[in-house]
Amino acid sequence: MFDILLLRKGPDSLPQSWFLFDVVLGVSILLSMAATVVIFPELAPQHILTLLLAAMTVGFYFLVLYLAGFSGRFAQAMSAIFGIDCLLTLIYLGVYLAVSAILDRPTALVLTLLLSYWSVPVQGHIISRAIQQHWGIGIGIALTLHLILMMTYRQISILS
């Protein structure tokens, strides 16, 4: 997974396994929920929103892979995407805790946010390899999903 995180390998380096996909998806959701509680303790946990965003991610990438004619690579690509999400969540949670203990919370939040943006080029890399397209196409796809998720999160948060 670290090689994928550093853009050295693609999703093809993982086994084509629905079990791996299920495990990584579950761990990713649980880590996202835990990170939200740790980083934003003043907010009521919005675990349903976390589940919705994960479902939207799965649906969006399934649609991309299906339309590109590579739906057979779904489990492998999604295992890579959610596996990377697990690693990044652990990394930015660790950075947040370390920086907030040394400096202040706003600085820790900014660093956490910047680290979380690394998921866009990594997801773009994964998707571009899965659909055999140029990296720029993958970045565009990942950025589109990121914007959709951010708008959804914002709209639901406003309504809550």
Protein backbone atom coordinates (compact mmCIF):
# COMPACT_ATOMS: atom_id res chain seq x y z
CA MET A 1 0.00 0.00 0.00
CA PHE A 2 2.82 2.44 0.75
CA ASP A 3 4.08 2.05 -2.82
CA ILE A 4 0.63 2.99 -4.10
CA LEU A 5 0.50 5.92 -1.68
CA LEU A 6 3.82 7.14 -3.12
CA LEU A 7 2.58 6.56 -6.70
CA ARG A 8 5.16 3.84 -7.36
CA LYS A 9 2.62 1.07 -7.99
CA GLY A 10 -0.99 0.84 -9.05
CA PRO A 11 -4.02 -1.16 -7.99
CA ASP A 12 -2.77 -4.11 -10.07
CA SER A 13 -0.24 -4.78 -7.28
CA LEU A 14 -3.13 -5.87 -5.03
CA PRO A 15 -5.02 -9.15 -5.32
CA GLN A 16 -8.42 -9.14 -7.02
CA SER A 17 -10.33 -9.98 -3.83
CA TRP A 18 -13.85 -9.07 -2.72
CA PHE A 19 -12.88 -10.08 0.82
CA LEU A 20 -10.02 -7.55 0.80
CA PHE A 21 -12.37 -4.90 -0.57
CA ASP A 22 -14.93 -5.58 2.19
CA VAL A 23 -12.31 -5.48 4.95
CA VAL A 24 -10.58 -2.34 3.69
CA LEU A 25 -13.92 -0.56 3.14
CA GLY A 26 -15.04 -1.40 6.69
CA VAL A 27 -11.76 -0.32 8.26
CA SER A 28 -11.75 2.88 6.21
CA ILE A 29 -15.25 3.79 7.39
CA LEU A 30 -14.42 3.05 11.02
CA LEU A 31 -11.18 5.06 10.85
CA SER A 32 -13.00 8.00 9.25
CA MET A 33 -15.61 7.93 12.00
CA ALA A 34 -12.93 7.77 14.71
CA ALA A 35 -10.90 10.58 13.11
CA THR A 36 -13.98 12.79 12.97
CA VAL A 37 -14.65 12.23 16.68
CA VAL A 38 -11.01 12.94 17.61
CA ILE A 39 -10.50 15.98 15.39
CA PHE A 40 -13.94 17.55 15.87
CA PRO A 41 -15.06 16.54 19.38
CA GLU A 42 -17.29 19.62 19.64
CA LEU A 43 -19.50 18.38 16.79
CA ALA A 44 -22.07 15.65 17.07
CA PRO A 45 -20.72 12.61 15.23
CA GLN A 46 -22.24 12.35 11.78
CA HIS A 47 -21.64 8.67 11.13
CA ILE A 48 -24.52 8.42 8.65
CA LEU A 49 -22.81 11.13 6.59
CA THR A 50 -19.56 9.13 6.63
CA LEU A 51 -21.46 6.08 5.35
CA LEU A 52 -23.16 8.17 2.66
CA LEU A 53 -19.85 9.60 1.41
CA ALA A 54 -18.32 6.10 1.29
CA ALA A 55 -21.33 4.83 -0.67
CA MET A 56 -21.06 7.77 -3.07
CA THR A 57 -17.36 7.01 -3.59
CA VAL A 58 -18.09 3.36 -4.34
CA GLY A 59 -20.94 4.26 -6.70
CA PHE A 60 -19.01 6.96 -8.53
CA TYR A 61 -15.94 4.81 -9.15
CA PHE A 62 -18.07 1.83 -10.14
CA LEU A 63 -19.73 4.03 -12.74
CA VAL A 64 -16.35 5.26 -14.02
CA LEU A 65 -14.94 1.74 -14.26
CA TYR A 66 -18.13 0.39 -15.86
CA LEU A 67 -18.34 3.16 -18.46
CA ALA A 68 -14.64 2.72 -19.28
CA GLY A 69 -15.16 -1.02 -19.75
CA PHE A 70 -13.07 -2.09 -16.77
CA SER A 71 -15.72 -3.10 -14.22
CA GLY A 72 -13.79 -6.33 -13.66
CA ARG A 73 -11.12 -4.28 -11.89
CA PHE A 74 -13.58 -2.78 -9.42
CA ALA A 75 -12.65 -4.78 -6.31
CA GLN A 76 -8.95 -4.28 -6.93
CA ALA A 77 -9.19 -0.53 -7.60
CA MET A 78 -11.53 0.10 -4.68
CA SER A 79 -9.34 -1.94 -2.34
CA ALA A 80 -6.47 0.34 -3.32
CA ILE A 81 -8.54 3.52 -2.90
CA PHE A 82 -9.94 2.61 0.50
CA GLY A 83 -6.63 1.09 1.63
CA ILE A 84 -4.91 4.38 0.84
CA ASP A 85 -7.71 6.18 2.68
CA CYS A 86 -6.91 4.06 5.75
CA LEU A 87 -3.21 4.92 5.58
CA LEU A 88 -3.83 8.62 5.02
CA THR A 89 -6.36 8.76 7.85
CA LEU A 90 -3.85 7.19 10.24
CA ILE A 91 -1.12 9.57 9.04
CA TYR A 92 -3.16 12.76 9.30
CA LEU A 93 -4.66 11.67 12.63
CA GLY A 94 -1.13 11.17 13.97
CA VAL A 95 -0.01 14.53 12.58
CA TYR A 96 -3.07 16.24 14.04
CA LEU A 97 -2.45 14.78 17.51
CA ALA A 98 1.28 15.57 17.44
CA VAL A 99 0.95 19.11 16.09
CA SER A 100 -1.99 20.05 18.32
CA ALA A 101 0.00 18.87 21.35
CA ILE A 102 3.02 20.99 20.37
CA LEU A 103 1.51 24.00 18.62
CA ASP A 104 -2.17 24.90 18.38
CA ARG A 105 -5.35 23.35 17.01
CA PRO A 106 -5.75 25.67 13.98
CA THR A 107 -2.24 24.82 12.74
CA ALA A 108 -2.95 21.12 13.26
CA LEU A 109 -6.21 21.44 11.32
CA VAL A 110 -4.49 23.16 8.38
CA LEU A 111 -1.77 20.50 8.21
CA THR A 112 -4.39 17.76 8.46
CA LEU A 113 -6.39 19.33 5.63
CA LEU A 114 -3.30 19.65 3.43
CA LEU A 115 -2.36 16.02 4.04
CA SER A 116 -5.88 14.87 3.24
CA TYR A 117 -5.64 16.51 -0.20
CA TRP A 118 -2.93 14.01 -1.15
CA SER A 119 -5.77 11.52 -1.64
CA VAL A 120 -6.81 13.30 -4.87
CA PRO A 121 -3.61 12.62 -6.88
CA VAL A 122 -3.35 9.13 -5.37
CA GLN A 123 -6.93 8.27 -6.31
CA GLY A 124 -6.30 9.78 -9.74
CA HIS A 125 -3.25 7.56 -10.11
CA ILE A 126 -5.22 4.48 -9.06
CA ILE A 127 -8.15 5.17 -11.37
CA SER A 128 -5.95 6.09 -14.33
CA ARG A 129 -4.10 2.78 -13.96
CA ALA A 130 -7.38 0.87 -13.56
CA ILE A 131 -8.90 2.32 -16.75
CA GLN A 132 -5.58 2.49 -18.63
CA GLN A 133 -5.70 6.23 -19.21
CA HIS A 134 -3.27 9.11 -18.75
CA TRP A 135 -2.68 10.25 -15.17
CA GLY A 136 -4.32 13.61 -15.94
CA ILE A 137 -7.60 11.86 -16.79
CA GLY A 138 -7.45 10.05 -13.45
CA ILE A 139 -6.73 13.32 -11.61
CA GLY A 140 -9.74 14.92 -13.29
CA ILE A 141 -11.96 12.01 -12.28
CA ALA A 142 -10.67 12.03 -8.68
CA LEU A 143 -11.00 15.81 -8.44
CA THR A 144 -14.57 15.63 -9.73
CA LEU A 145 -15.45 13.10 -7.04
CA HIS A 146 -13.67 15.15 -4.39
CA LEU A 147 -15.70 18.25 -5.30
CA ILE A 148 -18.96 16.28 -5.32
CA LEU A 149 -18.18 14.84 -1.88
CA MET A 150 -17.20 18.24 -0.48
CA MET A 151 -20.40 19.87 -1.78
CA THR A 152 -22.49 17.00 -0.40
CA TYR A 153 -20.75 17.21 2.98
CA ARG A 154 -21.27 20.96 3.11
CA GLN A 155 -24.94 20.80 2.15
CA ILE A 156 -25.76 18.07 4.64
CA SER A 157 -23.75 19.77 7.39
CA ILE A 158 -25.68 22.99 6.82
CA LEU A 159 -28.98 21.14 7.05
CA SER A 160 -28.01 19.36 10.27
